[in-house]
PDB file of N, CA and C in Angstrom:
ATOM      1  N   UNK A   1      65.857 119.969  77.516  1.00  0.00           N
ATOM      2  CA  UNK A   1      66.727 118.719  77.403  1.00  0.00           C
ATOM      3  C   UNK A   1      65.654 117.741  76.772  1.00  0.00           C
ATOM      4  N   UNK A   2      66.135 117.427  75.556  1.00  0.00           N
ATOM      5  CA  UNK A   2      65.195 116.466  74.694  1.00  0.00           C
ATOM      6  C   UNK A   2      63.676 117.046  74.492  1.00  0.00           C
ATOM      7  N   UNK A   3      62.712 116.185  74.584  1.00  0.00           N
ATOM      8  CA  UNK A   3      61.405 116.690  74.392  1.00  0.00           C
ATOM      9  C   UNK A   3      60.605 116.484  75.581  1.00  0.00           C
ATOM     10  N   UNK A   4      59.932 117.575  76.222  1.00  0.00           N
ATOM     11  CA  UNK A   4      59.455 117.710  77.526  1.00  0.00           C
ATOM     12  C   UNK A   4      58.409 116.314  77.730  1.00  0.00           C
ATOM     13  N   UNK A   5      57.567 116.102  76.602  1.00  0.00           N
ATOM     14  CA  UNK A   5      56.598 114.912  76.760  1.00  0.00           C
ATOM     15  C   UNK A   5      57.130 113.674  75.936  1.00  0.00           C
ATOM     16  N   UNK A   6      58.389 113.761  75.623  1.00  0.00           N
ATOM     17  CA  UNK A   6      58.969 112.541  74.795  1.00  0.00           C
ATOM     18  C   UNK A   6      58.851 111.117  75.519  1.00  0.00           C
ATOM     19  N   UNK A   7      58.928 111.126  76.786  1.00  0.00           N
ATOM     20  CA  UNK A   7      58.982 109.885  77.524  1.00  0.00           C
ATOM     21  C   UNK A   7      57.438 109.283  77.340  1.00  0.00           C
ATOM     22  N   UNK A   8      56.502 110.185  77.214  1.00  0.00           N
ATOM     23  CA  UNK A   8      55.071 109.714  77.274  1.00  0.00           C
ATOM     24  C   UNK A   8      54.777 109.372  75.643  1.00  0.00           C
ATOM     25  N   UNK A   9      55.474 110.085  74.630  1.00  0.00           N
ATOM     26  CA  UNK A   9      55.146 109.932  73.221  1.00  0.00           C
ATOM     27  C   UNK A   9      55.645 108.886  72.469  1.00  0.00           C
ATOM     28  N   UNK A  10      56.970 108.490  72.976  1.00  0.00           N
ATOM     29  CA  UNK A  10      57.726 107.491  72.449  1.00  0.00           C
ATOM     30  C   UNK A  10      58.035 106.237  73.554  1.00  0.00           C
ATOM     31  N   UNK A  11      57.694 105.164  72.995  1.00  0.00           N
ATOM     32  CA  UNK A  11      57.900 104.041  74.015  1.00  0.00           C
ATOM     33  C   UNK A  11      59.341 103.536  74.020  1.00  0.00           C
ATOM     34  N   UNK A  12      59.851 103.254  75.150  1.00  0.00           N
ATOM     35  CA  UNK A  12      61.121 102.664  75.246  1.00  0.00           C
ATOM     36  C   UNK A  12      61.534 101.567  74.384  1.00  0.00           C
ATOM     37  N   UNK A  13      62.415 101.708  73.461  1.00  0.00           N
ATOM     38  CA  UNK A  13      63.088 100.484  72.814  1.00  0.00           C
ATOM     39  C   UNK A  13      64.423 100.213  73.086  1.00  0.00           C
ATOM     40  N   UNK A  14      64.692  98.870  73.339  1.00  0.00           N
ATOM     41  CA  UNK A  14      66.070  98.500  73.545  1.00  0.00           C
ATOM     42  C   UNK A  14      66.585  98.020  72.330  1.00  0.00           C
ATOM     43  N   UNK A  15      67.972  98.351  72.223  1.00  0.00           N
ATOM     44  CA  UNK A  15      68.474  97.583  70.863  1.00  0.00           C
ATOM     45  C   UNK A  15      68.788  96.362  70.991  1.00  0.00           C
ATOM     46  N   UNK A  16      68.173  95.592  69.905  1.00  0.00           N
ATOM     47  CA  UNK A  16      68.446  94.101  69.872  1.00  0.00           C
ATOM     48  C   UNK A  16      69.728  93.576  69.577  1.00  0.00           C
ATOM     49  N   UNK A  17      69.994  92.420  70.120  1.00  0.00           N
ATOM     50  CA  UNK A  17      71.191  91.666  69.946  1.00  0.00           C
ATOM     51  C   UNK A  17      71.267  91.148  68.543  1.00  0.00           C
ATOM     52  N   UNK A  18      72.555  91.164  67.946  1.00  0.00           N
ATOM     53  CA  UNK A  18      72.731  90.299  66.814  1.00  0.00           C
ATOM     54  C   UNK A  18      72.575  89.136  66.947  1.00  0.00           C
ATOM     55  N   UNK A  19      72.348  88.247  65.788  1.00  0.00           N
ATOM     56  CA  UNK A  19      72.260  86.794  65.918  1.00  0.00           C
ATOM     57  C   UNK A  19      73.333  86.089  66.457  1.00  0.00           C
ATOM     58  N   UNK A  20      73.323  85.224  67.478  1.00  0.00           N
ATOM     59  CA  UNK A  20      74.571  84.537  67.793  1.00  0.00           C
ATOM     60  C   UNK A  20      75.475  83.884  66.875  1.00  0.00           C
ATOM     61  N   UNK A  21      74.700  83.323  65.880  1.00  0.00           N
ATOM     62  CA  UNK A  21      75.577  82.395  64.878  1.00  0.00           C
ATOM     63  C   UNK A  21      76.421  83.541  64.148  1.00  0.00           C
ATOM     64  N   UNK A  22      75.810  84.587  64.018  1.00  0.00           N
ATOM     65  CA  UNK A  22      76.682  85.712  63.267  1.00  0.00           C
ATOM     66  C   UNK A  22      77.785  86.334  64.113  1.00  0.00           C
ATOM     67  N   UNK A  23      77.407  86.412  65.381  1.00  0.00           N
ATOM     68  CA  UNK A  23      78.494  87.055  66.305  1.00  0.00           C
ATOM     69  C   UNK A  23      79.646  86.081  66.331  1.00  0.00           C
ATOM     70  N   UNK A  24      79.606  84.722  66.316  1.00  0.00           N
ATOM     71  CA  UNK A  24      80.859  84.005  66.342  1.00  0.00           C
ATOM     72  C   UNK A  24      81.652  84.241  65.326  1.00  0.00           C
ATOM     73  N   UNK A  25      81.499  84.625  64.268  1.00  0.00           N
ATOM     74  CA  UNK A  25      82.517  84.904  63.256  1.00  0.00           C
ATOM     75  C   UNK A  25      83.322  86.113  63.470  1.00  0.00           C
ATOM     76  N   UNK A  26      82.890  87.037  64.456  1.00  0.00           N
ATOM     77  CA  UNK A  26      83.815  88.394  64.370  1.00  0.00           C
ATOM     78  C   UNK A  26      83.779  88.702  65.939  1.00  0.00           C
ATOM     79  N   UNK A  27      84.388  89.940  66.101  1.00  0.00           N
ATOM     80  CA  UNK A  27      84.550  90.598  67.429  1.00  0.00           C
ATOM     81  C   UNK A  27      83.967  91.970  67.446  1.00  0.00           C
ATOM     82  N   UNK A  28      82.871  92.198  66.408  1.00  0.00           N
ATOM     83  CA  UNK A  28      82.226  93.361  66.519  1.00  0.00           C
ATOM     84  C   UNK A  28      81.133  93.596  67.660  1.00  0.00           C
ATOM     85  N   UNK A  29      80.399  94.559  67.757  1.00  0.00           N
ATOM     86  CA  UNK A  29      79.407  94.668  68.817  1.00  0.00           C
ATOM     87  C   UNK A  29      78.591  93.653  68.767  1.00  0.00           C
ATOM     88  N   UNK A  30      77.923  93.292  70.063  1.00  0.00           N
ATOM     89  CA  UNK A  30      76.919  92.494  70.026  1.00  0.00           C
ATOM     90  C   UNK A  30      75.473  92.842  69.689  1.00  0.00           C
ATOM     91  N   UNK A  31      75.157  94.144  69.721  1.00  0.00           N
ATOM     92  CA  UNK A  31      74.098  94.693  69.394  1.00  0.00           C
ATOM     93  C   UNK A  31      73.871  95.263  67.794  1.00  0.00           C
ATOM     94  N   UNK A  32      72.749  95.054  67.347  1.00  0.00           N
ATOM     95  CA  UNK A  32      72.515  95.699  66.213  1.00  0.00           C
ATOM     96  C   UNK A  32      72.773  97.056  66.056  1.00  0.00           C
ATOM     97  N   UNK A  33      73.120  97.768  65.116  1.00  0.00           N
ATOM     98  CA  UNK A  33      73.363  99.075  64.819  1.00  0.00           C
ATOM     99  C   UNK A  33      72.029  99.804  64.734  1.00  0.00           C
ATOM    100  N   UNK A  34      71.563 100.626  65.637  1.00  0.00           N
ATOM    101  CA  UNK A  34      70.111 101.279  65.547  1.00  0.00           C
ATOM    102  C   UNK A  34      70.101 102.290  64.365  1.00  0.00           C
ATOM    103  N   UNK A  35      68.986 102.563  63.804  1.00  0.00           N
ATOM    104  CA  UNK A  35      68.938 103.825  62.799  1.00  0.00           C
ATOM    105  C   UNK A  35      69.040 105.022  63.557  1.00  0.00           C
ATOM    106  N   UNK A  36      69.385 105.931  62.772  1.00  0.00           N
ATOM    107  CA  UNK A  36      69.417 107.548  63.607  1.00  0.00           C
ATOM    108  C   UNK A  36      68.056 107.783  63.860  1.00  0.00           C
ATOM    109  N   UNK A  37      66.992 107.646  63.179  1.00  0.00           N
ATOM    110  CA  UNK A  37      65.772 107.975  63.550  1.00  0.00           C
ATOM    111  C   UNK A  37      65.406 107.346  65.008  1.00  0.00           C
ATOM    112  N   UNK A  38      65.601 105.977  65.134  1.00  0.00           N
ATOM    113  CA  UNK A  38      65.455 105.374  66.347  1.00  0.00           C
ATOM    114  C   UNK A  38      66.263 105.989  67.538  1.00  0.00           C
ATOM    115  N   UNK A  39      67.524 106.464  67.380  1.00  0.00           N
ATOM    116  CA  UNK A  39      68.507 107.012  68.253  1.00  0.00           C
ATOM    117  C   UNK A  39      67.822 108.376  68.686  1.00  0.00           C
ATOM    118  N   UNK A  40      67.260 109.128  67.769  1.00  0.00           N
ATOM    119  CA  UNK A  40      66.669 110.508  68.173  1.00  0.00           C
ATOM    120  C   UNK A  40      65.557 110.352  68.739  1.00  0.00           C
ATOM    121  N   UNK A  41      64.652 109.387  68.559  1.00  0.00           N
ATOM    122  CA  UNK A  41      63.613 109.359  69.325  1.00  0.00           C
ATOM    123  C   UNK A  41      63.760 108.841  70.781  1.00  0.00           C
ATOM    124  N   UNK A  42      64.680 108.078  70.845  1.00  0.00           N
ATOM    125  CA  UNK A  42      64.955 107.500  72.252  1.00  0.00           C
ATOM    126  C   UNK A  42      65.611 108.762  73.030  1.00  0.00           C
ATOM    127  N   UNK A  43      66.385 109.635  72.426  1.00  0.00           N
ATOM    128  CA  UNK A  43      67.173 110.559  73.035  1.00  0.00           C
ATOM    129  C   UNK A  43      66.111 111.590  73.347  1.00  0.00           C
ATOM    130  N   UNK A  44      64.895 111.658  72.588  1.00  0.00           N
ATOM    131  CA  UNK A  44      63.827 112.655  72.965  1.00  0.00           C
ATOM    132  C   UNK A  44      62.973 112.444  74.211  1.00  0.00           C
ATOM    133  N   UNK A  45      63.319 111.024  74.695  1.00  0.00           N
ATOM    134  CA  UNK A  45      62.585 110.527  75.944  1.00  0.00           C
ATOM    135  C   UNK A  45      63.254 110.950  77.112  1.00  0.00           C
ATOM    136  N   UNK A  46      64.590 111.493  77.102  1.00  0.00           N
ATOM    137  CA  UNK A  46      65.314 112.040  78.161  1.00  0.00           C
ATOM    138  C   UNK A  46      64.682 113.417  78.480  1.00  0.00           C
ATOM    139  N   UNK A  47      64.516 113.420  79.755  1.00  0.00           N
ATOM    140  CA  UNK A  47      63.964 114.870  80.225  1.00  0.00           C
ATOM    141  C   UNK A  47      64.577 115.577  81.317  1.00  0.00           C
ATOM    142  N   UNK A  48      64.541 116.554  81.571  1.00  0.00           N
ATOM    143  CA  UNK A  48      65.198 117.284  82.627  1.00  0.00           C
ATOM    144  C   UNK A  48      64.557 116.982  84.023  1.00  0.00           C
ATOM    145  N   UNK A  49      64.826 115.819  84.447  1.00  0.00           N
ATOM    146  CA  UNK A  49      64.034 115.511  85.705  1.00  0.00           C
ATOM    147  C   UNK A  49      64.561 115.954  86.991  1.00  0.00           C
ATOM    148  N   UNK A  50      65.701 116.238  87.076  1.00  0.00           N
ATOM    149  CA  UNK A  50      66.391 116.611  88.180  1.00  0.00           C
ATOM    150  C   UNK A  50      66.810 115.236  89.168  1.00  0.00           C
ATOM    151  N   UNK A  51      66.661 114.229  88.528  1.00  0.00           N
ATOM    152  CA  UNK A  51      67.016 113.040  89.401  1.00  0.00           C
ATOM    153  C   UNK A  51      68.588 112.666  88.846  1.00  0.00           C
ATOM    154  N   UNK A  52      69.456 112.687  89.755  1.00  0.00           N
ATOM    155  CA  UNK A  52      70.973 112.784  89.300  1.00  0.00           C
ATOM    156  C   UNK A  52      71.369 111.084  89.108  1.00  0.00           C
ATOM    157  N   UNK A  53      70.503 110.283  88.825  1.00  0.00           N
ATOM    158  CA  UNK A  53      71.065 108.788  88.750  1.00  0.00           C
ATOM    159  C   UNK A  53      71.769 108.705  87.346  1.00  0.00           C
ATOM    160  N   UNK A  54      71.265 109.419  86.317  1.00  0.00           N
ATOM    161  CA  UNK A  54      71.908 109.286  85.192  1.00  0.00           C
ATOM    162  C   UNK A  54      73.312 110.018  84.968  1.00  0.00           C
ATOM    163  N   UNK A  55      73.567 110.782  85.971  1.00  0.00           N
ATOM    164  CA  UNK A  55      75.145 111.354  86.048  1.00  0.00           C
ATOM    165  C   UNK A  55      75.867 110.787  86.922  1.00  0.00           C
ATOM    166  N   UNK A  56      75.416 109.611  87.651  1.00  0.00           N
ATOM    167  CA  UNK A  56      76.192 108.862  88.577  1.00  0.00           C
ATOM    168  C   UNK A  56      77.316 108.117  87.911  1.00  0.00           C
ATOM    169  N   UNK A  57      78.255 107.581  88.812  1.00  0.00           N
ATOM    170  CA  UNK A  57      79.234 106.535  88.071  1.00  0.00           C
ATOM    171  C   UNK A  57      78.911 105.524  87.277  1.00  0.00           C
ATOM    172  N   UNK A  58      77.354 104.953  87.603  1.00  0.00           N
ATOM    173  CA  UNK A  58      76.740 103.864  86.963  1.00  0.00           C
ATOM    174  C   UNK A  58      76.219 104.277  85.544  1.00  0.00           C
ATOM    175  N   UNK A  59      76.293 105.606  85.390  1.00  0.00           N
ATOM    176  CA  UNK A  59      75.562 106.093  84.186  1.00  0.00           C
ATOM    177  C   UNK A  59      74.005 106.074  84.039  1.00  0.00           C
ATOM    178  N   UNK A  60      73.619 106.420  82.791  1.00  0.00           N
ATOM    179  CA  UNK A  60      72.187 106.476  82.663  1.00  0.00           C
ATOM    180  C   UNK A  60      71.540 105.196  82.826  1.00  0.00           C
ATOM    181  N   UNK A  61      70.324 105.172  83.347  1.00  0.00           N
ATOM    182  CA  UNK A  61      69.566 103.824  83.545  1.00  0.00           C
ATOM    183  C   UNK A  61      69.050 103.421  82.191  1.00  0.00           C
ATOM    184  N   UNK A  62      69.042 104.104  81.235  1.00  0.00           N
ATOM    185  CA  UNK A  62      68.678 103.552  80.018  1.00  0.00           C
ATOM    186  C   UNK A  62      70.023 103.486  79.000  1.00  0.00           C
ATOM    187  N   UNK A  63      71.009 103.308  79.634  1.00  0.00           N
ATOM    188  CA  UNK A  63      72.260 102.984  78.837  1.00  0.00           C
ATOM    189  C   UNK A  63      72.674 104.089  77.978  1.00  0.00           C
ATOM    190  N   UNK A  64      72.587 105.300  78.048  1.00  0.00           N
ATOM    191  CA  UNK A  64      73.048 106.517  77.669  1.00  0.00           C
ATOM    192  C   UNK A  64      74.021 106.998  78.484  1.00  0.00           C
ATOM    193  N   UNK A  65      74.896 108.010  78.101  1.00  0.00           N
ATOM    194  CA  UNK A  65      75.795 108.583  78.883  1.00  0.00           C
ATOM    195  C   UNK A  65      75.170 109.591  79.607  1.00  0.00           C
ATOM    196  N   UNK A  66      74.773 110.687  79.293  1.00  0.00           N
ATOM    197  CA  UNK A  66      74.412 111.846  80.079  1.00  0.00           C
ATOM    198  C   UNK A  66      73.200 112.564  79.402  1.00  0.00           C
ATOM    199  N   UNK A  67      72.348 113.112  79.982  1.00  0.00           N
ATOM    200  CA  UNK A  67      71.234 114.039  79.397  1.00  0.00           C
ATOM    201  C   UNK A  67      71.708 115.006  78.403  1.00  0.00           C
ATOM    202  N   UNK A  68      72.872 115.728  78.714  1.00  0.00           N
ATOM    203  CA  UNK A  68      73.261 116.647  77.646  1.00  0.00           C
ATOM    204  C   UNK A  68      73.663 115.874  76.319  1.00  0.00           C
ATOM    205  N   UNK A  69      74.135 114.613  76.342  1.00  0.00           N
ATOM    206  CA  UNK A  69      74.460 113.937  75.103  1.00  0.00           C
ATOM    207  C   UNK A  69      73.000 113.525  74.497  1.00  0.00           C
ATOM    208  N   UNK A  70      72.262 113.080  75.286  1.00  0.00           N
ATOM    209  CA  UNK A  70      70.914 112.920  74.697  1.00  0.00           C
ATOM    210  C   UNK A  70      70.230 113.954  74.076  1.00  0.00           C
ATOM    211  N   UNK A  71      70.430 115.041  74.508  1.00  0.00           N
ATOM    212  CA  UNK A  71      69.983 116.442  73.965  1.00  0.00           C
ATOM    213  C   UNK A  71      70.621 116.802  72.474  1.00  0.00           C
ATOM    214  N   UNK A  72      71.969 116.543  72.422  1.00  0.00           N
ATOM    215  CA  UNK A  72      72.559 116.575  71.380  1.00  0.00           C
ATOM    216  C   UNK A  72      72.081 115.724  70.203  1.00  0.00           C
ATOM    217  N   UNK A  73      71.779 114.501  70.494  1.00  0.00           N
ATOM    218  CA  UNK A  73      71.337 113.391  69.685  1.00  0.00           C
ATOM    219  C   UNK A  73      70.187 113.921  69.124  1.00  0.00           C
ATOM    220  N   UNK A  74      69.093 114.164  70.173  1.00  0.00           N
ATOM    221  CA  UNK A  74      67.692 114.617  69.769  1.00  0.00           C
ATOM    222  C   UNK A  74      67.591 115.806  68.858  1.00  0.00           C
ATOM    223  N   UNK A  75      68.658 116.752  68.904  1.00  0.00           N
ATOM    224  CA  UNK A  75      68.803 118.032  68.073  1.00  0.00           C
ATOM    225  C   UNK A  75      69.653 117.680  66.799  1.00  0.00           C
ATOM    226  N   UNK A  76      70.129 116.433  66.580  1.00  0.00           N
ATOM    227  CA  UNK A  76      70.855 115.913  65.430  1.00  0.00           C
ATOM    228  C   UNK A  76      72.223 116.513  65.445  1.00  0.00           C
ATOM    229  N   UNK A  77      72.903 116.859  66.440  1.00  0.00           N
ATOM    230  CA  UNK A  77      73.955 117.697  66.527  1.00  0.00           C
ATOM    231  C   UNK A  77      75.301 116.724  67.138  1.00  0.00           C
ATOM    232  N   UNK A  78      75.147 115.317  66.708  1.00  0.00           N
ATOM    233  CA  UNK A  78      76.177 114.434  67.372  1.00  0.00           C
ATOM    234  C   UNK A  78      76.891 113.843  66.151  1.00  0.00           C
TER     235      UNK A  78
END
């Protein structure tokens, strides 16, 4: 799953919001679109920790779907 030490190697990054003035003119996502490199680094942070919180009904605590999805992103297979 991901990179075993990825959570230590890469710092957590939160996707920033788009500028409010820009968002007033459309119904698009409120977040900026992250670059693929950033997505893959964040996916590398996911580890096979055995803590089932990320697979609960509330989803992953870092707003991703499931560890398997993070692994696919890390591998560039999404």
